[in-house]
């Protein structure tokens, strides 16, 4: 590995570490802050759920593209998926800074299913941050062997987070108070 690559990799790793720590802490902190005298942004949940759905589609099409050898399309789709995830996060924070959390109203087994999906979604959405960024970094640095190795872990986790984001929305949406 060249010295220049090592320096770049160290910078990326530092950035990834900081982002992977700061995002969950910032989201947790911002979750507690309510913007006063602002109408709740009730219109956002279906938008950010749709963005999660689009992310899932982008990820699947990206894998299909790379299996067909289309590296350029694969890179564009993954970059777009990252942009979608960032947009989701911004809208999610905006919603929770203007609106109270909605309690799930389902009873019985569906309640346990909902909370299982919600908890795994939240935990994996935190865990996936460094995986996505390290996978992206490996590709950007031309470390394709390492990229493929970590992508085999990143892809199913990220896909699960994207799909369960939609499922959580569909399950909680009947209980929103407008």
C-alpha atoms as a PDB file:
ATOM      1  CA  UNK A   1       0.000   0.000   0.000  1.00  0.00           C
ATOM      2  CA  UNK A   2       1.388   3.409  -0.922  1.00  0.00           C
ATOM      3  CA  UNK A   3       2.028   6.075   1.697  1.00  0.00           C
ATOM      4  CA  UNK A   4      -0.564   8.378   0.064  1.00  0.00           C
ATOM      5  CA  UNK A   5      -3.195   5.643   0.281  1.00  0.00           C
ATOM      6  CA  UNK A   6      -2.366   5.025   3.944  1.00  0.00           C
ATOM      7  CA  UNK A   7      -2.791   8.736   4.716  1.00  0.00           C
ATOM      8  CA  UNK A   8      -6.125   8.836   2.846  1.00  0.00           C
ATOM      9  CA  UNK A   9      -7.301   5.674   4.589  1.00  0.00           C
ATOM     10  CA  UNK A  10      -6.400   7.098   8.010  1.00  0.00           C
ATOM     11  CA  UNK A  11      -8.362  10.283   7.224  1.00  0.00           C
ATOM     12  CA  UNK A  12     -11.362   8.252   6.058  1.00  0.00           C
ATOM     13  CA  UNK A  13     -11.219   6.022   9.143  1.00  0.00           C
ATOM     14  CA  UNK A  14     -11.085   9.032  11.466  1.00  0.00           C
ATOM     15  CA  UNK A  15     -14.038  10.610   9.661  1.00  0.00           C
ATOM     16  CA  UNK A  16     -16.021   7.343   9.732  1.00  0.00           C
ATOM     17  CA  UNK A  17     -15.373   6.877  13.440  1.00  0.00           C
ATOM     18  CA  UNK A  18     -16.497  10.417  14.260  1.00  0.00           C
ATOM     19  CA  UNK A  19     -19.614  10.214  12.075  1.00  0.00           C
ATOM     20  CA  UNK A  20     -20.525   6.769  13.442  1.00  0.00           C
ATOM     21  CA  UNK A  21     -20.453   8.137  16.995  1.00  0.00           C
ATOM     22  CA  UNK A  22     -21.867  11.626  16.406  1.00  0.00           C
ATOM     23  CA  UNK A  23     -24.935  10.652  14.346  1.00  0.00           C
ATOM     24  CA  UNK A  24     -26.584   8.359  16.935  1.00  0.00           C
ATOM     25  CA  UNK A  25     -25.794  10.776  19.771  1.00  0.00           C
ATOM     26  CA  UNK A  26     -27.075  13.769  17.783  1.00  0.00           C
ATOM     27  CA  UNK A  27     -30.268  11.929  16.788  1.00  0.00           C
ATOM     28  CA  UNK A  28     -30.897  10.919  20.413  1.00  0.00           C
ATOM     29  CA  UNK A  29     -30.296  14.502  21.586  1.00  0.00           C
ATOM     30  CA  UNK A  30     -32.384  16.114  18.847  1.00  0.00           C
ATOM     31  CA  UNK A  31     -35.179  13.641  19.551  1.00  0.00           C
ATOM     32  CA  UNK A  32     -35.649  15.399  22.906  1.00  0.00           C
ATOM     33  CA  UNK A  33     -35.753  18.899  21.420  1.00  0.00           C
ATOM     34  CA  UNK A  34     -39.087  20.262  20.238  1.00  0.00           C
ATOM     35  CA  UNK A  35     -39.218  23.390  18.111  1.00  0.00           C
ATOM     36  CA  UNK A  36     -41.766  25.674  19.797  1.00  0.00           C
ATOM     37  CA  UNK A  37     -44.711  27.213  17.971  1.00  0.00           C
ATOM     38  CA  UNK A  38     -44.288  25.092  14.845  1.00  0.00           C
ATOM     39  CA  UNK A  39     -47.036  22.998  13.325  1.00  0.00           C
ATOM     40  CA  UNK A  40     -46.128  19.304  13.528  1.00  0.00           C
ATOM     41  CA  UNK A  41     -44.679  17.977  10.276  1.00  0.00           C
ATOM     42  CA  UNK A  42     -47.210  15.153  10.019  1.00  0.00           C
ATOM     43  CA  UNK A  43     -46.656  14.931   6.279  1.00  0.00           C
ATOM     44  CA  UNK A  44     -43.082  13.625   6.674  1.00  0.00           C
ATOM     45  CA  UNK A  45     -43.472   9.962   7.774  1.00  0.00           C
ATOM     46  CA  UNK A  46     -44.873   8.714   4.447  1.00  0.00           C
ATOM     47  CA  UNK A  47     -42.150  10.653   2.644  1.00  0.00           C
ATOM     48  CA  UNK A  48     -39.286   9.217   4.662  1.00  0.00           C
ATOM     49  CA  UNK A  49     -40.838   5.744   4.554  1.00  0.00           C
ATOM     50  CA  UNK A  50     -40.908   6.061   0.767  1.00  0.00           C
ATOM     51  CA  UNK A  51     -37.259   7.108   0.817  1.00  0.00           C
ATOM     52  CA  UNK A  52     -36.497   3.917   2.788  1.00  0.00           C
ATOM     53  CA  UNK A  53     -38.341   1.916   0.141  1.00  0.00           C
ATOM     54  CA  UNK A  54     -36.390   3.636  -2.625  1.00  0.00           C
ATOM     55  CA  UNK A  55     -33.157   2.886  -0.749  1.00  0.00           C
ATOM     56  CA  UNK A  56     -34.058  -0.817  -0.601  1.00  0.00           C
ATOM     57  CA  UNK A  57     -34.751  -0.863  -4.346  1.00  0.00           C
ATOM     58  CA  UNK A  58     -31.490   0.977  -5.084  1.00  0.00           C
ATOM     59  CA  UNK A  59     -29.537  -1.565  -3.024  1.00  0.00           C
ATOM     60  CA  UNK A  60     -31.050  -4.570  -4.804  1.00  0.00           C
ATOM     61  CA  UNK A  61     -30.557  -3.038  -8.255  1.00  0.00           C
ATOM     62  CA  UNK A  62     -26.990  -2.110  -7.274  1.00  0.00           C
ATOM     63  CA  UNK A  63     -26.171  -5.735  -6.447  1.00  0.00           C
ATOM     64  CA  UNK A  64     -27.714  -6.840  -9.745  1.00  0.00           C
ATOM     65  CA  UNK A  65     -25.638  -4.218 -11.572  1.00  0.00           C
ATOM     66  CA  UNK A  66     -22.344  -5.372 -10.071  1.00  0.00           C
ATOM     67  CA  UNK A  67     -23.192  -9.030 -10.744  1.00  0.00           C
ATOM     68  CA  UNK A  68     -23.538  -8.021 -14.397  1.00  0.00           C
ATOM     69  CA  UNK A  69     -20.186  -6.216 -14.236  1.00  0.00           C
ATOM     70  CA  UNK A  70     -21.603  -2.698 -14.436  1.00  0.00           C
ATOM     71  CA  UNK A  71     -19.315  -0.940 -11.924  1.00  0.00           C
ATOM     72  CA  UNK A  72     -20.345   2.600 -12.900  1.00  0.00           C
ATOM     73  CA  UNK A  73     -24.055   1.918 -12.359  1.00  0.00           C
ATOM     74  CA  UNK A  74     -23.256   0.052  -9.122  1.00  0.00           C
ATOM     75  CA  UNK A  75     -21.326   3.059  -7.805  1.00  0.00           C
ATOM     76  CA  UNK A  76     -24.039   5.549  -8.829  1.00  0.00           C
ATOM     77  CA  UNK A  77     -26.793   3.460  -7.233  1.00  0.00           C
ATOM     78  CA  UNK A  78     -24.876   3.078  -3.968  1.00  0.00           C
ATOM     79  CA  UNK A  79     -24.034   6.778  -3.869  1.00  0.00           C
ATOM     80  CA  UNK A  80     -27.720   7.548  -4.417  1.00  0.00           C
ATOM     81  CA  UNK A  81     -28.660   5.085  -1.660  1.00  0.00           C
ATOM     82  CA  UNK A  82     -26.319   6.908   0.727  1.00  0.00           C
ATOM     83  CA  UNK A  83     -27.855  10.257  -0.269  1.00  0.00           C
ATOM     84  CA  UNK A  84     -31.323   8.768   0.325  1.00  0.00           C
ATOM     85  CA  UNK A  85     -30.254   7.559   3.768  1.00  0.00           C
ATOM     86  CA  UNK A  86     -28.945  11.019   4.676  1.00  0.00           C
ATOM     87  CA  UNK A  87     -32.173  12.612   3.389  1.00  0.00           C
ATOM     88  CA  UNK A  88     -34.194  10.096   5.407  1.00  0.00           C
ATOM     89  CA  UNK A  89     -32.233  11.010   8.531  1.00  0.00           C
ATOM     90  CA  UNK A  90     -32.772  14.747   8.038  1.00  0.00           C
ATOM     91  CA  UNK A  91     -36.537  14.313   7.507  1.00  0.00           C
ATOM     92  CA  UNK A  92     -36.793  11.881  10.425  1.00  0.00           C
ATOM     93  CA  UNK A  93     -35.125  14.397  12.744  1.00  0.00           C
ATOM     94  CA  UNK A  94     -37.322  17.227  11.418  1.00  0.00           C
ATOM     95  CA  UNK A  95     -40.432  15.173  12.118  1.00  0.00           C
ATOM     96  CA  UNK A  96     -39.420  14.294  15.660  1.00  0.00           C
ATOM     97  CA  UNK A  97     -38.382  17.873  16.451  1.00  0.00           C
ATOM     98  CA  UNK A  98     -41.868  19.088  15.529  1.00  0.00           C
ATOM     99  CA  UNK A  99     -44.086  16.162  16.533  1.00  0.00           C
ATOM    100  CA  UNK A 100     -44.666  13.941  19.533  1.00  0.00           C
ATOM    101  CA  UNK A 101     -43.852  10.259  19.207  1.00  0.00           C
ATOM    102  CA  UNK A 102     -46.768   8.017  18.300  1.00  0.00           C
ATOM    103  CA  UNK A 103     -47.598   5.071  20.524  1.00  0.00           C
ATOM    104  CA  UNK A 104     -48.277   1.765  18.819  1.00  0.00           C
ATOM    105  CA  UNK A 105     -51.908   0.838  19.442  1.00  0.00           C
ATOM    106  CA  UNK A 106     -51.879  -2.794  18.379  1.00  0.00           C
ATOM    107  CA  UNK A 107     -52.583  -5.533  20.912  1.00  0.00           C
ATOM    108  CA  UNK A 108     -51.525  -9.130  21.357  1.00  0.00           C
ATOM    109  CA  UNK A 109     -48.920 -10.828  19.193  1.00  0.00           C
ATOM    110  CA  UNK A 110     -48.788  -7.983  16.643  1.00  0.00           C
ATOM    111  CA  UNK A 111     -47.524  -5.661  19.383  1.00  0.00           C
ATOM    112  CA  UNK A 112     -44.561  -7.992  20.068  1.00  0.00           C
ATOM    113  CA  UNK A 113     -43.858  -8.319  16.361  1.00  0.00           C
ATOM    114  CA  UNK A 114     -43.952  -4.540  15.947  1.00  0.00           C
ATOM    115  CA  UNK A 115     -41.550  -3.925  18.843  1.00  0.00           C
ATOM    116  CA  UNK A 116     -39.190  -6.664  17.651  1.00  0.00           C
ATOM    117  CA  UNK A 117     -39.061  -5.085  14.190  1.00  0.00           C
ATOM    118  CA  UNK A 118     -38.740  -1.570  15.635  1.00  0.00           C
ATOM    119  CA  UNK A 119     -35.947  -2.452  18.082  1.00  0.00           C
ATOM    120  CA  UNK A 120     -33.932  -4.436  15.525  1.00  0.00           C
ATOM    121  CA  UNK A 121     -34.466  -1.621  12.999  1.00  0.00           C
ATOM    122  CA  UNK A 122     -33.169   1.009  15.434  1.00  0.00           C
ATOM    123  CA  UNK A 123     -30.181  -1.036  16.609  1.00  0.00           C
ATOM    124  CA  UNK A 124     -29.148  -2.020  13.092  1.00  0.00           C
ATOM    125  CA  UNK A 125     -29.630   1.553  11.818  1.00  0.00           C
ATOM    126  CA  UNK A 126     -26.905   2.569  14.278  1.00  0.00           C
ATOM    127  CA  UNK A 127     -24.659  -0.404  13.520  1.00  0.00           C
ATOM    128  CA  UNK A 128     -24.977   0.042   9.754  1.00  0.00           C
ATOM    129  CA  UNK A 129     -23.454   3.547   9.692  1.00  0.00           C
ATOM    130  CA  UNK A 130     -19.789   2.477   9.890  1.00  0.00           C
ATOM    131  CA  UNK A 131     -20.446  -0.566   7.681  1.00  0.00           C
ATOM    132  CA  UNK A 132     -21.839   1.604   4.872  1.00  0.00           C
ATOM    133  CA  UNK A 133     -19.065   4.152   5.205  1.00  0.00           C
ATOM    134  CA  UNK A 134     -16.257   1.564   5.354  1.00  0.00           C
ATOM    135  CA  UNK A 135     -17.721  -0.290   2.365  1.00  0.00           C
ATOM    136  CA  UNK A 136     -17.897   2.964   0.419  1.00  0.00           C
ATOM    137  CA  UNK A 137     -14.361   3.932   1.511  1.00  0.00           C
ATOM    138  CA  UNK A 138     -12.919   0.593   0.353  1.00  0.00           C
ATOM    139  CA  UNK A 139     -14.414   1.117  -3.099  1.00  0.00           C
ATOM    140  CA  UNK A 140     -13.234   4.730  -3.303  1.00  0.00           C
ATOM    141  CA  UNK A 141      -9.693   3.660  -2.392  1.00  0.00           C
ATOM    142  CA  UNK A 142      -9.767   0.904  -5.010  1.00  0.00           C
ATOM    143  CA  UNK A 143      -9.573  -1.821  -2.370  1.00  0.00           C
ATOM    144  CA  UNK A 144     -12.100  -3.994  -4.159  1.00  0.00           C
ATOM    145  CA  UNK A 145     -11.240  -7.270  -2.433  1.00  0.00           C
ATOM    146  CA  UNK A 146     -11.855  -5.667   0.972  1.00  0.00           C
ATOM    147  CA  UNK A 147     -14.880  -3.840  -0.447  1.00  0.00           C
ATOM    148  CA  UNK A 148     -16.501  -7.108  -1.565  1.00  0.00           C
ATOM    149  CA  UNK A 149     -15.751  -8.756   1.769  1.00  0.00           C
ATOM    150  CA  UNK A 150     -17.419  -6.049   3.878  1.00  0.00           C
ATOM    151  CA  UNK A 151     -20.210  -5.493   1.320  1.00  0.00           C
ATOM    152  CA  UNK A 152     -21.377  -9.065   1.953  1.00  0.00           C
ATOM    153  CA  UNK A 153     -22.174  -7.959   5.514  1.00  0.00           C
ATOM    154  CA  UNK A 154     -23.268  -4.400   4.726  1.00  0.00           C
ATOM    155  CA  UNK A 155     -25.780  -5.246   2.011  1.00  0.00           C
ATOM    156  CA  UNK A 156     -28.138  -7.510   4.031  1.00  0.00           C
ATOM    157  CA  UNK A 157     -27.958  -5.271   7.105  1.00  0.00           C
ATOM    158  CA  UNK A 158     -28.643  -2.096   5.136  1.00  0.00           C
ATOM    159  CA  UNK A 159     -31.406  -3.782   3.157  1.00  0.00           C
ATOM    160  CA  UNK A 160     -33.007  -4.984   6.414  1.00  0.00           C
ATOM    161  CA  UNK A 161     -32.884  -1.449   7.854  1.00  0.00           C
ATOM    162  CA  UNK A 162     -34.418   0.036   4.690  1.00  0.00           C
ATOM    163  CA  UNK A 163     -37.215  -2.541   4.457  1.00  0.00           C
ATOM    164  CA  UNK A 164     -38.037  -2.526   8.163  1.00  0.00           C
ATOM    165  CA  UNK A 165     -38.220   1.279   8.029  1.00  0.00           C
ATOM    166  CA  UNK A 166     -41.133   0.888   5.621  1.00  0.00           C
ATOM    167  CA  UNK A 167     -42.683  -1.916   7.699  1.00  0.00           C
ATOM    168  CA  UNK A 168     -42.474   0.136  10.909  1.00  0.00           C
ATOM    169  CA  UNK A 169     -44.179   3.045   9.149  1.00  0.00           C
ATOM    170  CA  UNK A 170     -46.947   0.832   7.763  1.00  0.00           C
ATOM    171  CA  UNK A 171     -47.537  -0.715  11.181  1.00  0.00           C
ATOM    172  CA  UNK A 172     -47.580   2.577  13.149  1.00  0.00           C
ATOM    173  CA  UNK A 173     -49.357   4.788  10.587  1.00  0.00           C
ATOM    174  CA  UNK A 174     -52.917   3.852  11.653  1.00  0.00           C
ATOM    175  CA  UNK A 175     -52.122   5.285  15.101  1.00  0.00           C
ATOM    176  CA  UNK A 176     -50.863   8.706  14.014  1.00  0.00           C
ATOM    177  CA  UNK A 177     -52.909  11.571  15.467  1.00  0.00           C
ATOM    178  CA  UNK A 178     -53.282  14.447  13.004  1.00  0.00           C
END
